[in-house]
N, C-alpha and C. Protein backbone atom coordinates (compact mmCIF):
# COMPACT_ATOMS: atom_id res chain seq x y z
N MET A 1 8.86 -30.19 -6.53
CA MET A 1 10.11 -30.12 -5.78
C MET A 1 10.51 -28.66 -5.64
N ILE A 2 10.94 -28.30 -4.46
CA ILE A 2 11.27 -26.91 -4.18
C ILE A 2 12.67 -26.52 -4.67
N PHE A 3 13.63 -27.45 -4.65
CA PHE A 3 14.99 -27.14 -5.04
C PHE A 3 15.22 -27.52 -6.50
N THR A 4 14.75 -26.65 -7.37
CA THR A 4 14.96 -26.87 -8.81
C THR A 4 15.87 -25.78 -9.32
N LEU A 5 16.44 -26.00 -10.48
CA LEU A 5 17.29 -25.00 -11.11
C LEU A 5 16.49 -23.72 -11.38
N GLU A 6 15.24 -23.88 -11.81
CA GLU A 6 14.39 -22.72 -12.10
C GLU A 6 14.19 -21.87 -10.85
N ASN A 7 13.90 -22.52 -9.71
CA ASN A 7 13.71 -21.78 -8.46
C ASN A 7 15.01 -21.13 -7.99
N PHE A 8 16.14 -21.81 -8.20
CA PHE A 8 17.43 -21.25 -7.83
C PHE A 8 17.70 -19.99 -8.64
N VAL A 9 17.44 -20.02 -9.94
CA VAL A 9 17.66 -18.86 -10.81
C VAL A 9 16.74 -17.71 -10.40
N LYS A 10 15.46 -18.02 -10.13
CA LYS A 10 14.53 -16.97 -9.69
C LYS A 10 15.01 -16.33 -8.39
N GLY A 11 15.47 -17.14 -7.45
CA GLY A 11 15.97 -16.63 -6.19
C GLY A 11 17.21 -15.77 -6.36
N ALA A 12 18.10 -16.20 -7.26
CA ALA A 12 19.32 -15.43 -7.52
C ALA A 12 18.97 -14.07 -8.13
N ILE A 13 18.05 -14.07 -9.07
CA ILE A 13 17.64 -12.81 -9.71
C ILE A 13 16.99 -11.89 -8.68
N LEU A 14 16.14 -12.44 -7.84
CA LEU A 14 15.50 -11.65 -6.79
C LEU A 14 16.56 -11.05 -5.87
N GLY A 15 17.54 -11.86 -5.47
CA GLY A 15 18.61 -11.38 -4.60
C GLY A 15 19.41 -10.27 -5.24
N ILE A 16 19.72 -10.41 -6.50
CA ILE A 16 20.47 -9.37 -7.23
C ILE A 16 19.65 -8.08 -7.29
N ASN A 17 18.35 -8.21 -7.60
CA ASN A 17 17.49 -7.02 -7.66
C ASN A 17 17.37 -6.32 -6.31
N LEU A 18 17.26 -7.11 -5.23
CA LEU A 18 17.20 -6.52 -3.89
C LEU A 18 18.51 -5.81 -3.55
N LEU A 19 19.63 -6.40 -3.92
CA LEU A 19 20.92 -5.78 -3.67
C LEU A 19 21.07 -4.48 -4.46
N LYS A 20 20.65 -4.47 -5.72
CA LYS A 20 20.69 -3.25 -6.53
C LYS A 20 19.84 -2.15 -5.90
N ALA A 21 18.64 -2.52 -5.45
CA ALA A 21 17.74 -1.55 -4.83
C ALA A 21 18.37 -0.98 -3.56
N LYS A 22 19.01 -1.83 -2.78
CA LYS A 22 19.65 -1.39 -1.54
C LYS A 22 20.80 -0.43 -1.84
N ILE A 23 21.62 -0.77 -2.82
CA ILE A 23 22.76 0.07 -3.18
C ILE A 23 22.28 1.43 -3.69
N LYS A 24 21.23 1.43 -4.50
CA LYS A 24 20.71 2.68 -5.07
C LYS A 24 19.81 3.43 -4.09
N ASN A 25 19.56 2.84 -2.92
CA ASN A 25 18.69 3.42 -1.91
C ASN A 25 17.27 3.62 -2.43
N ILE A 26 16.75 2.61 -3.10
CA ILE A 26 15.41 2.62 -3.67
C ILE A 26 14.52 1.75 -2.80
N PRO A 27 13.34 2.26 -2.42
CA PRO A 27 12.45 1.44 -1.60
C PRO A 27 11.95 0.22 -2.37
N LEU A 28 11.63 -0.84 -1.64
CA LEU A 28 11.10 -2.03 -2.28
C LEU A 28 9.66 -1.83 -2.74
N ALA A 29 8.94 -0.98 -2.03
CA ALA A 29 7.52 -0.75 -2.34
C ALA A 29 7.17 0.70 -2.05
N VAL A 30 6.11 1.16 -2.69
CA VAL A 30 5.64 2.54 -2.51
C VAL A 30 4.13 2.50 -2.27
N ASN A 31 3.66 3.38 -1.40
CA ASN A 31 2.22 3.54 -1.18
C ASN A 31 1.79 4.87 -1.79
N TYR A 32 0.78 4.82 -2.63
CA TYR A 32 0.24 6.03 -3.25
C TYR A 32 -1.17 6.29 -2.71
N ASP A 33 -1.40 7.47 -2.16
CA ASP A 33 -2.75 7.92 -1.82
C ASP A 33 -3.28 8.62 -3.06
N LEU A 34 -4.09 7.93 -3.84
CA LEU A 34 -4.50 8.43 -5.15
C LEU A 34 -5.50 9.57 -5.10
N THR A 35 -6.28 9.66 -4.04
CA THR A 35 -7.34 10.65 -4.01
C THR A 35 -7.71 11.01 -2.58
N TRP A 36 -8.27 12.21 -2.42
CA TRP A 36 -8.84 12.63 -1.14
C TRP A 36 -10.29 12.20 -1.06
N GLN A 37 -10.88 11.81 -2.16
CA GLN A 37 -12.30 11.49 -2.21
C GLN A 37 -12.58 10.11 -1.62
N CYS A 38 -13.78 9.97 -1.08
CA CYS A 38 -14.25 8.67 -0.63
C CYS A 38 -15.77 8.65 -0.73
N ASN A 39 -16.31 7.48 -1.02
CA ASN A 39 -17.75 7.35 -1.12
C ASN A 39 -18.40 6.98 0.22
N LEU A 40 -17.60 6.92 1.30
CA LEU A 40 -18.11 6.69 2.65
C LEU A 40 -17.51 7.73 3.59
N ARG A 41 -18.06 7.84 4.77
CA ARG A 41 -17.52 8.73 5.81
C ARG A 41 -17.43 7.95 7.12
N CYS A 42 -16.54 7.01 7.17
CA CYS A 42 -16.41 6.13 8.34
C CYS A 42 -15.75 6.89 9.50
N LYS A 43 -16.34 6.80 10.68
CA LYS A 43 -15.81 7.50 11.86
C LYS A 43 -14.42 7.01 12.24
N HIS A 44 -14.14 5.73 12.00
CA HIS A 44 -12.85 5.15 12.40
C HIS A 44 -11.74 5.39 11.38
N CYS A 45 -12.05 5.99 10.25
CA CYS A 45 -11.08 6.10 9.15
C CYS A 45 -10.04 7.19 9.42
N TYR A 46 -8.78 6.80 9.50
CA TYR A 46 -7.70 7.76 9.73
C TYR A 46 -7.58 8.74 8.57
N PHE A 47 -7.84 8.28 7.36
CA PHE A 47 -7.67 9.15 6.20
C PHE A 47 -8.74 10.24 6.19
N TYR A 48 -9.97 9.86 6.44
CA TYR A 48 -11.06 10.84 6.48
C TYR A 48 -10.82 11.85 7.60
N ALA A 49 -10.37 11.38 8.75
CA ALA A 49 -10.10 12.28 9.87
C ALA A 49 -8.99 13.27 9.51
N SER A 50 -7.94 12.81 8.87
CA SER A 50 -6.84 13.72 8.51
C SER A 50 -7.28 14.69 7.42
N ALA A 51 -8.12 14.25 6.49
CA ALA A 51 -8.62 15.14 5.45
C ALA A 51 -9.48 16.24 6.06
N LYS A 52 -10.31 15.88 7.05
CA LYS A 52 -11.13 16.87 7.74
C LYS A 52 -10.25 17.88 8.47
N GLU A 53 -9.23 17.40 9.12
CA GLU A 53 -8.32 18.27 9.86
C GLU A 53 -7.59 19.23 8.92
N LEU A 54 -7.12 18.74 7.80
CA LEU A 54 -6.44 19.59 6.84
C LEU A 54 -7.36 20.64 6.24
N SER A 55 -8.62 20.30 6.04
CA SER A 55 -9.55 21.25 5.43
C SER A 55 -9.88 22.41 6.36
N LYS A 56 -9.63 22.26 7.66
CA LYS A 56 -9.85 23.35 8.60
C LYS A 56 -8.88 24.50 8.36
N ASN A 57 -7.72 24.19 7.87
CA ASN A 57 -6.69 25.19 7.63
C ASN A 57 -6.73 25.58 6.16
N SER A 58 -7.13 26.81 5.89
CA SER A 58 -7.29 27.24 4.49
C SER A 58 -5.98 27.27 3.72
N MET A 59 -4.84 27.23 4.41
CA MET A 59 -3.55 27.23 3.72
C MET A 59 -3.30 25.89 3.02
N HIS A 60 -4.02 24.84 3.42
CA HIS A 60 -3.81 23.51 2.86
C HIS A 60 -4.93 23.18 1.87
N ASN A 61 -4.93 23.84 0.73
CA ASN A 61 -5.92 23.49 -0.29
C ASN A 61 -5.51 22.18 -0.92
N ARG A 62 -6.43 21.24 -0.94
CA ARG A 62 -6.12 19.91 -1.45
C ARG A 62 -6.31 19.88 -2.96
N LYS A 63 -5.24 19.64 -3.66
CA LYS A 63 -5.29 19.52 -5.11
C LYS A 63 -4.98 18.07 -5.46
N GLU A 64 -5.80 17.49 -6.30
CA GLU A 64 -5.55 16.12 -6.73
C GLU A 64 -4.69 16.13 -7.99
N LEU A 65 -3.80 15.18 -8.09
CA LEU A 65 -3.02 15.03 -9.31
C LEU A 65 -3.91 14.48 -10.41
N SER A 66 -3.63 14.88 -11.62
CA SER A 66 -4.37 14.34 -12.77
C SER A 66 -3.90 12.92 -13.06
N ASN A 67 -4.64 12.21 -13.88
CA ASN A 67 -4.21 10.87 -14.29
C ASN A 67 -2.85 10.93 -14.97
N VAL A 68 -2.65 11.91 -15.82
CA VAL A 68 -1.37 12.05 -16.53
C VAL A 68 -0.22 12.25 -15.54
N GLU A 69 -0.43 13.10 -14.53
CA GLU A 69 0.61 13.32 -13.52
C GLU A 69 0.91 12.05 -12.74
N TRP A 70 -0.13 11.31 -12.35
CA TRP A 70 0.08 10.05 -11.62
C TRP A 70 0.84 9.05 -12.48
N ILE A 71 0.46 8.92 -13.73
CA ILE A 71 1.11 7.95 -14.62
C ILE A 71 2.58 8.30 -14.81
N LYS A 72 2.91 9.58 -14.88
CA LYS A 72 4.32 9.99 -14.95
C LYS A 72 5.07 9.55 -13.70
N ILE A 73 4.44 9.71 -12.54
CA ILE A 73 5.06 9.29 -11.27
C ILE A 73 5.23 7.77 -11.26
N PHE A 74 4.18 7.05 -11.66
CA PHE A 74 4.28 5.58 -11.73
C PHE A 74 5.46 5.17 -12.60
N ASN A 75 5.55 5.72 -13.79
CA ASN A 75 6.63 5.34 -14.72
C ASN A 75 8.00 5.72 -14.17
N TYR A 76 8.10 6.88 -13.54
CA TYR A 76 9.37 7.30 -12.94
C TYR A 76 9.81 6.29 -11.88
N HIS A 77 8.90 5.93 -10.98
CA HIS A 77 9.25 4.98 -9.92
C HIS A 77 9.54 3.59 -10.49
N ARG A 78 8.80 3.18 -11.49
CA ARG A 78 9.07 1.86 -12.10
C ARG A 78 10.46 1.85 -12.74
N ASN A 79 10.82 2.96 -13.39
CA ASN A 79 12.15 3.05 -14.01
C ASN A 79 13.26 3.06 -12.98
N LEU A 80 12.96 3.52 -11.77
CA LEU A 80 13.94 3.45 -10.68
C LEU A 80 14.15 2.01 -10.22
N GLY A 81 13.14 1.17 -10.44
CA GLY A 81 13.26 -0.23 -10.03
C GLY A 81 12.20 -0.67 -9.04
N ILE A 82 11.27 0.20 -8.69
CA ILE A 82 10.21 -0.19 -7.76
C ILE A 82 9.28 -1.16 -8.46
N ARG A 83 8.98 -2.26 -7.79
CA ARG A 83 8.17 -3.31 -8.40
C ARG A 83 6.83 -3.52 -7.71
N SER A 84 6.71 -3.06 -6.47
CA SER A 84 5.51 -3.33 -5.69
C SER A 84 4.92 -2.01 -5.19
N VAL A 85 3.61 -1.82 -5.41
CA VAL A 85 2.95 -0.61 -4.96
C VAL A 85 1.64 -0.94 -4.26
N ALA A 86 1.24 -0.05 -3.37
CA ALA A 86 -0.07 -0.14 -2.72
C ALA A 86 -0.83 1.12 -3.10
N LEU A 87 -2.05 0.94 -3.56
CA LEU A 87 -2.90 2.06 -3.97
C LEU A 87 -3.98 2.25 -2.92
N THR A 88 -3.97 3.43 -2.30
CA THR A 88 -4.93 3.74 -1.25
C THR A 88 -5.51 5.11 -1.52
N GLY A 89 -6.16 5.68 -0.55
CA GLY A 89 -6.74 7.00 -0.69
C GLY A 89 -7.13 7.48 0.69
N GLY A 90 -8.13 8.13 0.64
CA GLY A 90 -9.47 8.07 0.11
C GLY A 90 -9.79 6.66 -0.41
N GLU A 91 -10.63 6.65 -1.36
CA GLU A 91 -11.06 5.39 -1.98
C GLU A 91 -10.46 5.29 -3.38
N PRO A 92 -9.46 4.42 -3.57
CA PRO A 92 -8.75 4.34 -4.85
C PRO A 92 -9.63 3.92 -6.03
N THR A 93 -10.72 3.19 -5.77
CA THR A 93 -11.55 2.77 -6.90
C THR A 93 -12.31 3.93 -7.52
N LEU A 94 -12.26 5.11 -6.88
CA LEU A 94 -12.86 6.29 -7.49
C LEU A 94 -11.96 6.84 -8.60
N ARG A 95 -10.74 6.32 -8.69
CA ARG A 95 -9.81 6.67 -9.77
C ARG A 95 -9.47 5.39 -10.54
N MET A 96 -10.50 4.75 -11.04
CA MET A 96 -10.38 3.42 -11.64
C MET A 96 -9.35 3.35 -12.77
N GLN A 97 -9.26 4.39 -13.59
CA GLN A 97 -8.29 4.38 -14.68
C GLN A 97 -6.86 4.26 -14.15
N LEU A 98 -6.59 4.89 -13.01
CA LEU A 98 -5.26 4.79 -12.42
C LEU A 98 -4.96 3.37 -11.94
N LEU A 99 -5.98 2.67 -11.45
CA LEU A 99 -5.78 1.28 -11.05
C LEU A 99 -5.38 0.44 -12.25
N HIS A 100 -6.08 0.65 -13.37
CA HIS A 100 -5.75 -0.09 -14.60
C HIS A 100 -4.32 0.22 -15.06
N GLU A 101 -3.94 1.48 -15.01
CA GLU A 101 -2.60 1.88 -15.45
C GLU A 101 -1.53 1.31 -14.53
N ALA A 102 -1.76 1.35 -13.22
CA ALA A 102 -0.78 0.82 -12.28
C ALA A 102 -0.53 -0.67 -12.52
N VAL A 103 -1.59 -1.40 -12.81
CA VAL A 103 -1.45 -2.84 -13.07
C VAL A 103 -0.64 -3.10 -14.33
N LYS A 104 -0.73 -2.20 -15.30
CA LYS A 104 0.07 -2.34 -16.52
C LYS A 104 1.55 -2.03 -16.25
N ILE A 105 1.82 -1.14 -15.31
CA ILE A 105 3.18 -0.64 -15.09
C ILE A 105 3.96 -1.47 -14.07
N PHE A 106 3.29 -1.88 -12.98
CA PHE A 106 3.99 -2.56 -11.90
C PHE A 106 3.64 -4.05 -11.86
N PRO A 107 4.62 -4.90 -11.54
CA PRO A 107 4.34 -6.32 -11.45
C PRO A 107 3.46 -6.70 -10.25
N TYR A 108 3.56 -5.93 -9.16
CA TYR A 108 2.82 -6.26 -7.95
C TYR A 108 2.04 -5.02 -7.48
N VAL A 109 0.71 -5.14 -7.46
CA VAL A 109 -0.15 -4.02 -7.06
C VAL A 109 -1.14 -4.50 -6.00
N GLN A 110 -1.18 -3.77 -4.89
CA GLN A 110 -2.17 -4.02 -3.84
C GLN A 110 -3.11 -2.82 -3.81
N ILE A 111 -4.38 -3.08 -3.60
CA ILE A 111 -5.37 -2.01 -3.55
C ILE A 111 -6.13 -2.12 -2.23
N ALA A 112 -6.10 -1.04 -1.45
CA ALA A 112 -6.86 -0.99 -0.19
C ALA A 112 -8.15 -0.24 -0.47
N SER A 113 -9.25 -0.98 -0.50
CA SER A 113 -10.54 -0.41 -0.87
C SER A 113 -11.59 -0.77 0.16
N ASN A 114 -12.63 0.05 0.23
CA ASN A 114 -13.76 -0.30 1.08
C ASN A 114 -14.68 -1.30 0.37
N GLY A 115 -14.44 -1.54 -0.91
CA GLY A 115 -15.19 -2.54 -1.66
C GLY A 115 -16.55 -2.07 -2.14
N ILE A 116 -16.86 -0.81 -1.92
CA ILE A 116 -18.16 -0.27 -2.34
C ILE A 116 -17.94 0.51 -3.64
N ILE A 117 -18.36 -0.07 -4.75
CA ILE A 117 -18.21 0.59 -6.05
C ILE A 117 -19.60 0.74 -6.64
N ASN A 118 -19.99 1.98 -6.90
CA ASN A 118 -21.28 2.25 -7.50
C ASN A 118 -21.09 2.31 -9.01
N TYR A 119 -21.36 1.22 -9.68
CA TYR A 119 -21.12 1.15 -11.11
C TYR A 119 -21.99 2.11 -11.91
N ARG A 120 -23.13 2.52 -11.34
CA ARG A 120 -23.98 3.48 -12.06
C ARG A 120 -23.28 4.82 -12.19
N ASN A 121 -22.39 5.14 -11.26
CA ASN A 121 -21.68 6.42 -11.29
C ASN A 121 -20.30 6.31 -11.92
N LEU A 122 -20.01 5.19 -12.55
CA LEU A 122 -18.71 4.99 -13.16
C LEU A 122 -18.82 5.30 -14.65
N ASN A 123 -18.13 6.34 -15.07
CA ASN A 123 -18.12 6.73 -16.47
C ASN A 123 -17.37 5.66 -17.25
N GLN A 124 -18.06 4.97 -18.13
CA GLN A 124 -17.46 3.84 -18.84
C GLN A 124 -16.39 4.27 -19.84
N GLU A 125 -16.43 5.51 -20.30
CA GLU A 125 -15.43 5.97 -21.27
C GLU A 125 -14.04 6.10 -20.64
N ASN A 126 -13.98 6.65 -19.44
CA ASN A 126 -12.68 6.87 -18.83
C ASN A 126 -12.51 6.22 -17.47
N ASN A 127 -13.48 5.36 -17.08
CA ASN A 127 -13.42 4.65 -15.80
C ASN A 127 -13.25 5.58 -14.61
N GLN A 128 -13.84 6.75 -14.66
CA GLN A 128 -13.77 7.69 -13.54
C GLN A 128 -15.11 7.76 -12.85
N TYR A 129 -15.07 7.90 -11.55
CA TYR A 129 -16.26 8.02 -10.73
C TYR A 129 -16.82 9.43 -10.88
N THR A 130 -18.12 9.55 -11.11
CA THR A 130 -18.74 10.85 -11.30
C THR A 130 -19.56 11.31 -10.11
N GLY A 131 -19.50 10.57 -9.01
CA GLY A 131 -20.13 10.96 -7.77
C GLY A 131 -21.60 10.82 -7.80
C-alpha cells in the first residue's frame, strides 16, 4: 500500500530537508569532475575536447586535486546538506579510491563511466589507476 504512515513520515522528512536546502541556498546535487585523465580518446567526448583546448593555452596548467583534498570537499558539501552527487571526469574509475569514499559519505552517488576498467593497472593497495 502506498499511503502508509511510514511513507507519509518519509515524505514529510524529505519535504523538510528540501525546504531547508532551499532556504540555505544549497544545491540538491553536485557534479564533481574528479580527473582530467581518461583511458580512451573518444572523438565525440566533450570533456576530452575541452581538455585538449585548455592544454593549448600554457596559462591553464591542469592540476588534479589529491584524494585528501577531494575528501575534504566531499565532507564539506555533505555537512552543508548535499545528499546526491555525480562523479564524472575524465574517467572517474581512474580515481577508484575517491569512488569508495564518496559512497561512504553521500547517500546517493551516480558515476558516469565509459565502463572500461583495466584491473591489471589498478594498484590494489590504494585503488588508483597506474596507467
